[in-house]
Amino acid sequence: GRIGPGWDVLGQRTSDEDYGAVLKRLKKRPLDYFKHSFYADTAAFTAEPATHAGMAFYDFDKIVFASDCPFDPEGGTMYIRETIRILDGLGLDKAKRAQLDHGNLEKLVGKTFPA
């Protein structure tokens, strides 16, 4: 991808401040912080390729279920239904699916939700 090399030269192509000193203090590439430190969700406006790309990029334990509800033509039901359909097509085992549906969020917020 292009985002990693772009972040590797952070601030070097702008006319204001050069962030080169910041980059030198980082222990990892900016892309690695983004990939391993941030949480992502499954809300992709039912774009199946985007869901697959996100699942391939982010650490699985940092992905949480989301659906963009209620912002769809049906007032919420379409994005929920289609996101679930896309996730069903991933072929995850029961434990992984539970982790995606609620386990990762529970870990993030420190609370258990009823199944």
PDB file of N, CA and C in Angstrom:
ATOM      1  N   GLY A   1       0.806  -1.186   0.000  1.00  0.00           N
ATOM      2  CA  GLY A   1       0.000   0.000   0.000  1.00  0.00           C
ATOM      3  C   GLY A   1       0.851   1.252   0.000  1.00  0.00           C
ATOM      4  N   ARG A   2       0.191   2.337  -0.231  1.00  0.00           N
ATOM      5  CA  ARG A   2       0.881   3.621  -0.323  1.00  0.00           C
ATOM      6  C   ARG A   2       0.882   4.402   0.980  1.00  0.00           C
ATOM      7  N   ILE A   3       0.009   4.052   1.908  1.00  0.00           N
ATOM      8  CA  ILE A   3      -0.084   4.857   3.120  1.00  0.00           C
ATOM      9  C   ILE A   3       1.157   4.726   3.995  1.00  0.00           C
ATOM     10  N   GLY A   4       1.740   3.542   4.071  1.00  0.00           N
ATOM     11  CA  GLY A   4       2.942   3.350   4.881  1.00  0.00           C
ATOM     12  C   GLY A   4       4.098   4.234   4.433  1.00  0.00           C
ATOM     13  N   PRO A   5       4.493   4.152   3.152  1.00  0.00           N
ATOM     14  CA  PRO A   5       5.572   5.024   2.683  1.00  0.00           C
ATOM     15  C   PRO A   5       5.228   6.512   2.807  1.00  0.00           C
ATOM     16  N   GLY A   6       3.952   6.843   2.664  1.00  0.00           N
ATOM     17  CA  GLY A   6       3.543   8.241   2.832  1.00  0.00           C
ATOM     18  C   GLY A   6       3.787   8.739   4.243  1.00  0.00           C
ATOM     19  N   TRP A   7       3.448   7.910   5.217  1.00  0.00           N
ATOM     20  CA  TRP A   7       3.670   8.295   6.613  1.00  0.00           C
ATOM     21  C   TRP A   7       5.150   8.270   6.982  1.00  0.00           C
ATOM     22  N   ASP A   8       5.939   7.486   6.276  1.00  0.00           N
ATOM     23  CA  ASP A   8       7.371   7.432   6.558  1.00  0.00           C
ATOM     24  C   ASP A   8       8.056   8.771   6.289  1.00  0.00           C
ATOM     25  N   VAL A   9       7.476   9.609   5.474  1.00  0.00           N
ATOM     26  CA  VAL A   9       8.041  10.932   5.174  1.00  0.00           C
ATOM     27  C   VAL A   9       7.165  12.039   5.763  1.00  0.00           C
ATOM     28  N   LEU A  10       6.491  11.735   6.856  1.00  0.00           N
ATOM     29  CA  LEU A  10       5.582  12.662   7.524  1.00  0.00           C
ATOM     30  C   LEU A  10       6.208  14.040   7.696  1.00  0.00           C
ATOM     31  N   GLY A  11       5.543  15.049   7.168  1.00  0.00           N
ATOM     32  CA  GLY A  11       5.975  16.429   7.334  1.00  0.00           C
ATOM     33  C   GLY A  11       7.043  16.899   6.376  1.00  0.00           C
ATOM     34  N   GLN A  12       7.650  16.028   5.628  1.00  0.00           N
ATOM     35  CA  GLN A  12       8.745  16.428   4.748  1.00  0.00           C
ATOM     36  C   GLN A  12       8.260  17.085   3.463  1.00  0.00           C
ATOM     37  N   ARG A  13       6.996  16.931   3.145  1.00  0.00           N
ATOM     38  CA  ARG A  13       6.494  17.468   1.880  1.00  0.00           C
ATOM     39  C   ARG A  13       5.532  18.623   2.087  1.00  0.00           C
ATOM     40  N   THR A  14       5.498  19.173   3.288  1.00  0.00           N
ATOM     41  CA  THR A  14       4.614  20.303   3.549  1.00  0.00           C
ATOM     42  C   THR A  14       5.449  21.550   3.760  1.00  0.00           C
ATOM     43  N   SER A  15       4.829  22.688   3.589  1.00  0.00           N
ATOM     44  CA  SER A  15       5.577  23.938   3.686  1.00  0.00           C
ATOM     45  C   SER A  15       5.672  24.463   5.115  1.00  0.00           C
ATOM     46  N   ASP A  16       4.915  23.880   6.046  1.00  0.00           N
ATOM     47  CA  ASP A  16       4.963  24.410   7.406  1.00  0.00           C
ATOM     48  C   ASP A  16       6.034  23.703   8.238  1.00  0.00           C
ATOM     49  N   GLU A  17       5.682  22.790   9.083  1.00  0.00           N
ATOM     50  CA  GLU A  17       6.636  22.183  10.008  1.00  0.00           C
ATOM     51  C   GLU A  17       7.124  20.825   9.510  1.00  0.00           C
ATOM     52  N   ASP A  18       8.416  20.576   9.658  1.00  0.00           N
ATOM     53  CA  ASP A  18       8.996  19.281   9.310  1.00  0.00           C
ATOM     54  C   ASP A  18       8.942  18.385  10.541  1.00  0.00           C
ATOM     55  N   TYR A  19       8.242  17.263  10.431  1.00  0.00           N
ATOM     56  CA  TYR A  19       8.088  16.344  11.548  1.00  0.00           C
ATOM     57  C   TYR A  19       9.159  15.252  11.553  1.00  0.00           C
ATOM     58  N   GLY A  20      10.228  15.465  10.841  1.00  0.00           N
ATOM     59  CA  GLY A  20      11.295  14.477  10.770  1.00  0.00           C
ATOM     60  C   GLY A  20      11.839  14.098  12.134  1.00  0.00           C
ATOM     61  N   ALA A  21      11.946  15.067  13.041  1.00  0.00           N
ATOM     62  CA  ALA A  21      12.449  14.780  14.391  1.00  0.00           C
ATOM     63  C   ALA A  21      11.485  13.868  15.143  1.00  0.00           C
ATOM     64  N   VAL A  22      10.193  14.065  14.926  1.00  0.00           N
ATOM     65  CA  VAL A  22       9.190  13.201  15.561  1.00  0.00           C
ATOM     66  C   VAL A  22       9.349  11.778  15.044  1.00  0.00           C
ATOM     67  N   LEU A  23       9.502  11.627  13.755  1.00  0.00           N
ATOM     68  CA  LEU A  23       9.670  10.298  13.161  1.00  0.00           C
ATOM     69  C   LEU A  23      10.887   9.577  13.736  1.00  0.00           C
ATOM     70  N   LYS A  24      11.955  10.311  13.962  1.00  0.00           N
ATOM     71  CA  LYS A  24      13.176   9.692  14.494  1.00  0.00           C
ATOM     72  C   LYS A  24      12.983   9.181  15.918  1.00  0.00           C
ATOM     73  N   ARG A  25      12.063   9.799  16.676  1.00  0.00           N
ATOM     74  CA  ARG A  25      11.817   9.370  18.058  1.00  0.00           C
ATOM     75  C   ARG A  25      10.880   8.172  18.145  1.00  0.00           C
ATOM     76  N   LEU A  26      10.168   7.886  17.088  1.00  0.00           N
ATOM     77  CA  LEU A  26       9.239   6.758  17.110  1.00  0.00           C
ATOM     78  C   LEU A  26      10.004   5.441  17.102  1.00  0.00           C
ATOM     79  N   LYS A  27       9.497   4.483  17.847  1.00  0.00           N
ATOM     80  CA  LYS A  27      10.132   3.165  17.901  1.00  0.00           C
ATOM     81  C   LYS A  27       9.713   2.281  16.723  1.00  0.00           C
ATOM     82  N   LYS A  28       8.585   2.647  16.088  1.00  0.00           N
ATOM     83  CA  LYS A  28       8.068   1.876  14.955  1.00  0.00           C
ATOM     84  C   LYS A  28       7.670   2.847  13.847  1.00  0.00           C
ATOM     85  N   ARG A  29       7.381   2.311  12.699  1.00  0.00           N
ATOM     86  CA  ARG A  29       6.849   3.125  11.603  1.00  0.00           C
ATOM     87  C   ARG A  29       5.465   3.635  11.985  1.00  0.00           C
ATOM     88  N   PRO A  30       5.058   4.805  11.521  1.00  0.00           N
ATOM     89  CA  PRO A  30       3.704   5.294  11.816  1.00  0.00           C
ATOM     90  C   PRO A  30       2.624   4.288  11.427  1.00  0.00           C
ATOM     91  N   LEU A  31       2.806   3.600  10.321  1.00  0.00           N
ATOM     92  CA  LEU A  31       1.829   2.612   9.876  1.00  0.00           C
ATOM     93  C   LEU A  31       1.638   1.512  10.916  1.00  0.00           C
ATOM     94  N   ASP A  32       2.706   1.101  11.570  1.00  0.00           N
ATOM     95  CA  ASP A  32       2.605   0.043  12.575  1.00  0.00           C
ATOM     96  C   ASP A  32       1.804   0.490  13.791  1.00  0.00           C
ATOM     97  N   TYR A  33       1.946   1.749  14.184  1.00  0.00           N
ATOM     98  CA  TYR A  33       1.114   2.263  15.277  1.00  0.00           C
ATOM     99  C   TYR A  33      -0.353   2.219  14.866  1.00  0.00           C
ATOM    100  N   PHE A  34      -0.629   2.647  13.655  1.00  0.00           N
ATOM    101  CA  PHE A  34      -2.003   2.669  13.157  1.00  0.00           C
ATOM    102  C   PHE A  34      -2.582   1.262  13.090  1.00  0.00           C
ATOM    103  N   LYS A  35      -1.811   0.332  12.582  1.00  0.00           N
ATOM    104  CA  LYS A  35      -2.295  -1.032  12.384  1.00  0.00           C
ATOM    105  C   LYS A  35      -2.502  -1.778  13.692  1.00  0.00           C
ATOM    106  N   HIS A  36      -1.620  -1.596  14.654  1.00  0.00           N
ATOM    107  CA  HIS A  36      -1.646  -2.413  15.863  1.00  0.00           C
ATOM    108  C   HIS A  36      -2.185  -1.699  17.103  1.00  0.00           C
ATOM    109  N   SER A  37      -2.362  -0.394  17.061  1.00  0.00           N
ATOM    110  CA  SER A  37      -2.797   0.342  18.250  1.00  0.00           C
ATOM    111  C   SER A  37      -4.229   0.845  18.160  1.00  0.00           C
ATOM    112  N   PHE A  38      -4.763   0.974  16.982  1.00  0.00           N
ATOM    113  CA  PHE A  38      -6.102   1.505  16.796  1.00  0.00           C
ATOM    114  C   PHE A  38      -7.120   0.379  16.702  1.00  0.00           C
ATOM    115  N   TYR A  39      -8.338   0.686  17.068  1.00  0.00           N
ATOM    116  CA  TYR A  39      -9.452  -0.239  16.871  1.00  0.00           C
ATOM    117  C   TYR A  39     -10.162   0.130  15.579  1.00  0.00           C
ATOM    118  N   ALA A  40     -10.656  -0.876  14.891  1.00  0.00           N
ATOM    119  CA  ALA A  40     -11.425  -0.679  13.667  1.00  0.00           C
ATOM    120  C   ALA A  40     -12.768  -1.361  13.850  1.00  0.00           C
ATOM    121  N   ASP A  41     -13.717  -1.008  13.006  1.00  0.00           N
ATOM    122  CA  ASP A  41     -15.011  -1.687  13.084  1.00  0.00           C
ATOM    123  C   ASP A  41     -15.411  -2.220  11.720  1.00  0.00           C
ATOM    124  N   THR A  42     -16.479  -2.988  11.718  1.00  0.00           N
ATOM    125  CA  THR A  42     -16.935  -3.632  10.487  1.00  0.00           C
ATOM    126  C   THR A  42     -17.880  -2.753   9.677  1.00  0.00           C
ATOM    127  N   ALA A  43     -18.126  -1.537  10.127  1.00  0.00           N
ATOM    128  CA  ALA A  43     -19.024  -0.639   9.404  1.00  0.00           C
ATOM    129  C   ALA A  43     -18.328  -0.149   8.140  1.00  0.00           C
ATOM    130  N   ALA A  44     -18.810  -0.586   7.008  1.00  0.00           N
ATOM    131  CA  ALA A  44     -18.213  -0.191   5.733  1.00  0.00           C
ATOM    132  C   ALA A  44     -19.309   0.067   4.705  1.00  0.00           C
ATOM    133  N   PHE A  45     -20.484   0.476   5.187  1.00  0.00           N
ATOM    134  CA  PHE A  45     -21.621   0.737   4.301  1.00  0.00           C
ATOM    135  C   PHE A  45     -21.867  -0.439   3.365  1.00  0.00           C
ATOM    136  N   THR A  46     -21.704  -1.636   3.886  1.00  0.00           N
ATOM    137  CA  THR A  46     -21.909  -2.919   3.196  1.00  0.00           C
ATOM    138  C   THR A  46     -20.963  -3.121   2.009  1.00  0.00           C
ATOM    139  N   ALA A  47     -19.817  -2.492   2.043  1.00  0.00           N
ATOM    140  CA  ALA A  47     -18.819  -2.687   0.991  1.00  0.00           C
ATOM    141  C   ALA A  47     -17.989  -3.920   1.349  1.00  0.00           C
ATOM    142  N   GLU A  48     -18.304  -5.023   0.723  1.00  0.00           N
ATOM    143  CA  GLU A  48     -17.645  -6.286   1.046  1.00  0.00           C
ATOM    144  C   GLU A  48     -16.127  -6.237   0.848  1.00  0.00           C
ATOM    145  N   PRO A  49     -15.617  -5.674  -0.262  1.00  0.00           N
ATOM    146  CA  PRO A  49     -14.157  -5.601  -0.410  1.00  0.00           C
ATOM    147  C   PRO A  49     -13.495  -4.787   0.710  1.00  0.00           C
ATOM    148  N   ALA A  50     -14.144  -3.722   1.155  1.00  0.00           N
ATOM    149  CA  ALA A  50     -13.585  -2.918   2.251  1.00  0.00           C
ATOM    150  C   ALA A  50     -13.546  -3.720   3.544  1.00  0.00           C
ATOM    151  N   THR A  51     -14.566  -4.529   3.780  1.00  0.00           N
ATOM    152  CA  THR A  51     -14.586  -5.376   4.969  1.00  0.00           C
ATOM    153  C   THR A  51     -13.436  -6.373   4.920  1.00  0.00           C
ATOM    154  N   HIS A  52     -13.246  -7.003   3.779  1.00  0.00           N
ATOM    155  CA  HIS A  52     -12.145  -7.964   3.631  1.00  0.00           C
ATOM    156  C   HIS A  52     -10.787  -7.276   3.814  1.00  0.00           C
ATOM    157  N   ALA A  53     -10.642  -6.086   3.258  1.00  0.00           N
ATOM    158  CA  ALA A  53      -9.373  -5.359   3.388  1.00  0.00           C
ATOM    159  C   ALA A  53      -9.106  -4.999   4.847  1.00  0.00           C
ATOM    160  N   GLY A  54     -10.128  -4.539   5.542  1.00  0.00           N
ATOM    161  CA  GLY A  54      -9.965  -4.204   6.956  1.00  0.00           C
ATOM    162  C   GLY A  54      -9.617  -5.413   7.795  1.00  0.00           C
ATOM    163  N   MET A  55     -10.269  -6.539   7.501  1.00  0.00           N
ATOM    164  CA  MET A  55      -9.992  -7.768   8.245  1.00  0.00           C
ATOM    165  C   MET A  55      -8.554  -8.240   7.995  1.00  0.00           C
ATOM    166  N   ALA A  56      -8.059  -8.021   6.789  1.00  0.00           N
ATOM    167  CA  ALA A  56      -6.692  -8.432   6.465  1.00  0.00           C
ATOM    168  C   ALA A  56      -5.651  -7.486   7.071  1.00  0.00           C
ATOM    169  N   PHE A  57      -6.013  -6.225   7.245  1.00  0.00           N
ATOM    170  CA  PHE A  57      -5.049  -5.226   7.709  1.00  0.00           C
ATOM    171  C   PHE A  57      -4.924  -5.173   9.230  1.00  0.00           C
ATOM    172  N   TYR A  58      -6.036  -5.052   9.919  1.00  0.00           N
ATOM    173  CA  TYR A  58      -6.006  -4.843  11.370  1.00  0.00           C
ATOM    174  C   TYR A  58      -5.830  -6.151  12.129  1.00  0.00           C
ATOM    175  N   ASP A  59      -5.253  -6.050  13.333  1.00  0.00           N
ATOM    176  CA  ASP A  59      -5.185  -7.201  14.227  1.00  0.00           C
ATOM    177  C   ASP A  59      -6.615  -7.621  14.555  1.00  0.00           C
ATOM    178  N   PHE A  60      -6.908  -8.911  14.489  1.00  0.00           N
ATOM    179  CA  PHE A  60      -8.278  -9.391  14.680  1.00  0.00           C
ATOM    180  C   PHE A  60      -8.849  -8.981  16.036  1.00  0.00           C
ATOM    181  N   ASP A  61      -8.012  -8.940  17.058  1.00  0.00           N
ATOM    182  CA  ASP A  61      -8.518  -8.583  18.385  1.00  0.00           C
ATOM    183  C   ASP A  61      -8.774  -7.091  18.540  1.00  0.00           C
ATOM    184  N   LYS A  62      -8.544  -6.325  17.466  1.00  0.00           N
ATOM    185  CA  LYS A  62      -8.818  -4.885  17.487  1.00  0.00           C
ATOM    186  C   LYS A  62      -9.954  -4.512  16.527  1.00  0.00           C
ATOM    187  N   ILE A  63     -10.738  -5.499  16.104  1.00  0.00           N
ATOM    188  CA  ILE A  63     -11.873  -5.236  15.213  1.00  0.00           C
ATOM    189  C   ILE A  63     -13.157  -5.508  15.981  1.00  0.00           C
ATOM    190  N   VAL A  64     -14.088  -4.559  15.923  1.00  0.00           N
ATOM    191  CA  VAL A  64     -15.371  -4.708  16.614  1.00  0.00           C
ATOM    192  C   VAL A  64     -16.516  -4.606  15.607  1.00  0.00           C
ATOM    193  N   PHE A  65     -17.627  -5.256  15.935  1.00  0.00           N
ATOM    194  CA  PHE A  65     -18.798  -5.208  15.070  1.00  0.00           C
ATOM    195  C   PHE A  65     -19.409  -3.809  15.096  1.00  0.00           C
ATOM    196  N   ALA A  66     -19.789  -3.325  13.931  1.00  0.00           N
ATOM    197  CA  ALA A  66     -20.548  -2.079  13.793  1.00  0.00           C
ATOM    198  C   ALA A  66     -21.241  -2.124  12.441  1.00  0.00           C
ATOM    199  N   SER A  67     -22.281  -1.306  12.279  1.00  0.00           N
ATOM    200  CA  SER A  67     -23.082  -1.428  11.060  1.00  0.00           C
ATOM    201  C   SER A  67     -23.476  -0.111  10.395  1.00  0.00           C
ATOM    202  N   ASP A  68     -23.081   1.025  10.908  1.00  0.00           N
ATOM    203  CA  ASP A  68     -23.491   2.336  10.388  1.00  0.00           C
ATOM    204  C   ASP A  68     -24.979   2.607  10.568  1.00  0.00           C
ATOM    205  N   CYS A  69     -25.659   1.829  11.394  1.00  0.00           N
ATOM    206  CA  CYS A  69     -27.073   2.049  11.683  1.00  0.00           C
ATOM    207  C   CYS A  69     -27.232   3.385  12.399  1.00  0.00           C
ATOM    208  N   PRO A  70     -28.181   4.198  12.105  1.00  0.00           N
ATOM    209  CA  PRO A  70     -29.334   4.025  11.228  1.00  0.00           C
ATOM    210  C   PRO A  70     -29.170   4.697   9.875  1.00  0.00           C
ATOM    211  N   PHE A  71     -27.960   4.892   9.415  1.00  0.00           N
ATOM    212  CA  PHE A  71     -27.722   5.681   8.211  1.00  0.00           C
ATOM    213  C   PHE A  71     -27.765   4.842   6.943  1.00  0.00           C
ATOM    214  N   ASP A  72     -28.907   4.277   6.634  1.00  0.00           N
ATOM    215  CA  ASP A  72     -29.068   3.555   5.379  1.00  0.00           C
ATOM    216  C   ASP A  72     -30.458   3.825   4.821  1.00  0.00           C
ATOM    217  N   PRO A  73     -30.695   3.450   3.579  1.00  0.00           N
ATOM    218  CA  PRO A  73     -31.975   3.745   2.941  1.00  0.00           C
ATOM    219  C   PRO A  73     -33.188   3.151   3.655  1.00  0.00           C
ATOM    220  N   GLU A  74     -32.966   2.101   4.462  1.00  0.00           N
ATOM    221  CA  GLU A  74     -34.077   1.467   5.172  1.00  0.00           C
ATOM    222  C   GLU A  74     -34.181   1.947   6.620  1.00  0.00           C
ATOM    223  N   GLY A  75     -33.395   2.933   7.001  1.00  0.00           N
ATOM    224  CA  GLY A  75     -33.458   3.440   8.359  1.00  0.00           C
ATOM    225  C   GLY A  75     -32.688   2.606   9.371  1.00  0.00           C
ATOM    226  N   GLY A  76     -31.800   1.759   8.915  1.00  0.00           N
ATOM    227  CA  GLY A  76     -30.946   1.004   9.818  1.00  0.00           C
ATOM    228  C   GLY A  76     -30.907  -0.482   9.577  1.00  0.00           C
ATOM    229  N   THR A  77     -31.987  -1.066   9.110  1.00  0.00           N
ATOM    230  CA  THR A  77     -32.035  -2.525   8.993  1.00  0.00           C
ATOM    231  C   THR A  77     -31.149  -3.080   7.877  1.00  0.00           C
ATOM    232  N   MET A  78     -31.004  -2.348   6.786  1.00  0.00           N
ATOM    233  CA  MET A  78     -30.225  -2.853   5.658  1.00  0.00           C
ATOM    234  C   MET A  78     -28.752  -3.004   6.021  1.00  0.00           C
ATOM    235  N   TYR A  79     -28.141  -1.990   6.602  1.00  0.00           N
ATOM    236  CA  TYR A  79     -26.718  -2.068   6.923  1.00  0.00           C
ATOM    237  C   TYR A  79     -26.442  -3.136   7.966  1.00  0.00           C
ATOM    238  N   ILE A  80     -27.331  -3.294   8.938  1.00  0.00           N
ATOM    239  CA  ILE A  80     -27.160  -4.360   9.922  1.00  0.00           C
ATOM    240  C   ILE A  80     -27.222  -5.715   9.225  1.00  0.00           C
ATOM    241  N   ARG A  81     -28.277  -5.924   8.451  1.00  0.00           N
ATOM    242  CA  ARG A  81     -28.483  -7.201   7.758  1.00  0.00           C
ATOM    243  C   ARG A  81     -27.322  -7.521   6.819  1.00  0.00           C
ATOM    244  N   GLU A  82     -26.904  -6.553   6.023  1.00  0.00           N
ATOM    245  CA  GLU A  82     -25.851  -6.795   5.034  1.00  0.00           C
ATOM    246  C   GLU A  82     -24.475  -6.954   5.685  1.00  0.00           C
ATOM    247  N   THR A  83     -24.225  -6.235   6.758  1.00  0.00           N
ATOM    248  CA  THR A  83     -22.959  -6.420   7.477  1.00  0.00           C
ATOM    249  C   THR A  83     -22.891  -7.823   8.056  1.00  0.00           C
ATOM    250  N   ILE A  84     -23.987  -8.291   8.632  1.00  0.00           N
ATOM    251  CA  ILE A  84     -24.039  -9.660   9.161  1.00  0.00           C
ATOM    252  C   ILE A  84     -23.839 -10.672   8.033  1.00  0.00           C
ATOM    253  N   ARG A  85     -24.455 -10.428   6.874  1.00  0.00           N
ATOM    254  CA  ARG A  85     -24.291 -11.331   5.730  1.00  0.00           C
ATOM    255  C   ARG A  85     -22.826 -11.404   5.306  1.00  0.00           C
ATOM    256  N   ILE A  86     -22.169 -10.265   5.243  1.00  0.00           N
ATOM    257  CA  ILE A  86     -20.756 -10.231   4.859  1.00  0.00           C
ATOM    258  C   ILE A  86     -19.914 -10.987   5.879  1.00  0.00           C
ATOM    259  N   LEU A  87     -20.182 -10.758   7.155  1.00  0.00           N
ATOM    260  CA  LEU A  87     -19.414 -11.440   8.201  1.00  0.00           C
ATOM    261  C   LEU A  87     -19.681 -12.939   8.184  1.00  0.00           C
ATOM    262  N   ASP A  88     -20.921 -13.332   7.900  1.00  0.00           N
ATOM    263  CA  ASP A  88     -21.237 -14.761   7.781  1.00  0.00           C
ATOM    264  C   ASP A  88     -20.398 -15.414   6.685  1.00  0.00           C
ATOM    265  N   GLY A  89     -20.115 -14.674   5.637  1.00  0.00           N
ATOM    266  CA  GLY A  89     -19.351 -15.199   4.510  1.00  0.00           C
ATOM    267  C   GLY A  89     -17.854 -15.325   4.760  1.00  0.00           C
ATOM    268  N   LEU A  90     -17.387 -14.849   5.899  1.00  0.00           N
ATOM    269  CA  LEU A  90     -15.955 -14.927   6.194  1.00  0.00           C
ATOM    270  C   LEU A  90     -15.506 -16.316   6.615  1.00  0.00           C
ATOM    271  N   GLY A  91     -16.463 -17.169   7.003  1.00  0.00           N
ATOM    272  CA  GLY A  91     -16.129 -18.528   7.407  1.00  0.00           C
ATOM    273  C   GLY A  91     -15.424 -18.622   8.753  1.00  0.00           C
ATOM    274  N   LEU A  92     -15.701 -17.683   9.642  1.00  0.00           N
ATOM    275  CA  LEU A  92     -15.082 -17.713  10.967  1.00  0.00           C
ATOM    276  C   LEU A  92     -15.696 -18.820  11.811  1.00  0.00           C
ATOM    277  N   ASP A  93     -14.876 -19.460  12.650  1.00  0.00           N
ATOM    278  CA  ASP A  93     -15.451 -20.439  13.572  1.00  0.00           C
ATOM    279  C   ASP A  93     -16.249 -19.693  14.649  1.00  0.00           C
ATOM    280  N   LYS A  94     -17.008 -20.448  15.452  1.00  0.00           N
ATOM    281  CA  LYS A  94     -17.910 -19.838  16.433  1.00  0.00           C
ATOM    282  C   LYS A  94     -17.189 -18.921  17.418  1.00  0.00           C
ATOM    283  N   ALA A  95     -16.033 -19.356  17.882  1.00  0.00           N
ATOM    284  CA  ALA A  95     -15.288 -18.562  18.865  1.00  0.00           C
ATOM    285  C   ALA A  95     -14.809 -17.239  18.258  1.00  0.00           C
ATOM    286  N   LYS A  96     -14.293 -17.296  17.034  1.00  0.00           N
ATOM    287  CA  LYS A  96     -13.829 -16.071  16.368  1.00  0.00           C
ATOM    288  C   LYS A  96     -14.994 -15.130  16.081  1.00  0.00           C
ATOM    289  N   ARG A  97     -16.122 -15.698  15.674  1.00  0.00           N
ATOM    290  CA  ARG A  97     -17.283 -14.858  15.380  1.00  0.00           C
ATOM    291  C   ARG A  97     -17.778 -14.174  16.652  1.00  0.00           C
ATOM    292  N   ALA A  98     -17.813 -14.894  17.769  1.00  0.00           N
ATOM    293  CA  ALA A  98     -18.228 -14.297  19.041  1.00  0.00           C
ATOM    294  C   ALA A  98     -17.249 -13.199  19.454  1.00  0.00           C
ATOM    295  N   GLN A  99     -15.978 -13.431  19.196  1.00  0.00           N
ATOM    296  CA  GLN A  99     -14.967 -12.418  19.502  1.00  0.00           C
ATOM    297  C   GLN A  99     -15.229 -11.152  18.695  1.00  0.00           C
ATOM    298  N   LEU A 100     -15.546 -11.316  17.424  1.00  0.00           N
ATOM    299  CA  LEU A 100     -15.819 -10.179  16.556  1.00  0.00           C
ATOM    300  C   LEU A 100     -17.135  -9.497  16.926  1.00  0.00           C
ATOM    301  N   ASP A 101     -18.170 -10.286  17.169  1.00  0.00           N
ATOM    302  CA  ASP A 101     -19.495  -9.728  17.448  1.00  0.00           C
ATOM    303  C   ASP A 101     -19.560  -8.967  18.765  1.00  0.00           C
ATOM    304  N   HIS A 102     -18.879  -9.467  19.803  1.00  0.00           N
ATOM    305  CA  HIS A 102     -18.974  -8.778  21.095  1.00  0.00           C
ATOM    306  C   HIS A 102     -17.727  -8.891  21.964  1.00  0.00           C
ATOM    307  N   GLY A 103     -16.930  -9.935  21.791  1.00  0.00           N
ATOM    308  CA  GLY A 103     -15.785 -10.165  22.670  1.00  0.00           C
ATOM    309  C   GLY A 103     -14.736  -9.065  22.643  1.00  0.00           C
ATOM    310  N   ASN A 104     -14.387  -8.597  21.458  1.00  0.00           N
ATOM    311  CA  ASN A 104     -13.380  -7.541  21.366  1.00  0.00           C
ATOM    312  C   ASN A 104     -13.873  -6.246  21.999  1.00  0.00           C
ATOM    313  N   LEU A 105     -15.151  -5.934  21.814  1.00  0.00           N
ATOM    314  CA  LEU A 105     -15.719  -4.737  22.435  1.00  0.00           C
ATOM    315  C   LEU A 105     -15.740  -4.877  23.950  1.00  0.00           C
ATOM    316  N   GLU A 106     -16.110  -6.046  24.434  1.00  0.00           N
ATOM    317  CA  GLU A 106     -16.127  -6.277  25.880  1.00  0.00           C
ATOM    318  C   GLU A 106     -14.736  -6.076  26.477  1.00  0.00           C
ATOM    319  N   LYS A 107     -13.740  -6.572  25.793  1.00  0.00           N
ATOM    320  CA  LYS A 107     -12.356  -6.405  26.249  1.00  0.00           C
ATOM    321  C   LYS A 107     -11.964  -4.926  26.243  1.00  0.00           C
ATOM    322  N   LEU A 108     -12.371  -4.216  25.210  1.00  0.00           N
ATOM    323  CA  LEU A 108     -12.042  -2.798  25.075  1.00  0.00           C
ATOM    324  C   LEU A 108     -12.664  -1.962  26.188  1.00  0.00           C
ATOM    325  N   VAL A 109     -13.947  -2.199  26.481  1.00  0.00           N
ATOM    326  CA  VAL A 109     -14.655  -1.363  27.464  1.00  0.00           C
ATOM    327  C   VAL A 109     -14.673  -1.957  28.863  1.00  0.00           C
ATOM    328  N   GLY A 110     -14.197  -3.193  29.020  1.00  0.00           N
ATOM    329  CA  GLY A 110     -14.164  -3.817  30.338  1.00  0.00           C
ATOM    330  C   GLY A 110     -15.530  -4.165  30.886  1.00  0.00           C
ATOM    331  N   LYS A 111     -16.435  -4.545  30.001  1.00  0.00           N
ATOM    332  CA  LYS A 111     -17.801  -4.876  30.399  1.00  0.00           C
ATOM    333  C   LYS A 111     -18.281  -6.061  29.576  1.00  0.00           C
ATOM    334  N   THR A 112     -19.085  -6.930  30.189  1.00  0.00           N
ATOM    335  CA  THR A 112     -19.651  -8.075  29.484  1.00  0.00           C
ATOM    336  C   THR A 112     -21.077  -7.749  29.076  1.00  0.00           C
ATOM    337  N   PHE A 113     -21.416  -8.092  27.843  1.00  0.00           N
ATOM    338  CA  PHE A 113     -22.761  -7.858  27.324  1.00  0.00           C
ATOM    339  C   PHE A 113     -23.486  -9.188  27.179  1.00  0.00           C
ATOM    340  N   PRO A 114     -24.792  -9.212  27.442  1.00  0.00           N
ATOM    341  CA  PRO A 114     -25.535 -10.476  27.282  1.00  0.00           C
ATOM    342  C   PRO A 114     -25.559 -10.902  25.819  1.00  0.00           C
ATOM    343  N   ALA A 115     -25.422 -12.193  25.599  1.00  0.00           N
ATOM    344  CA  ALA A 115     -25.414 -12.721  24.222  1.00  0.00           C
ATOM    345  C   ALA A 115     -26.811 -12.780  23.656  1.00  0.00           C
TER     346      ALA A 115
END
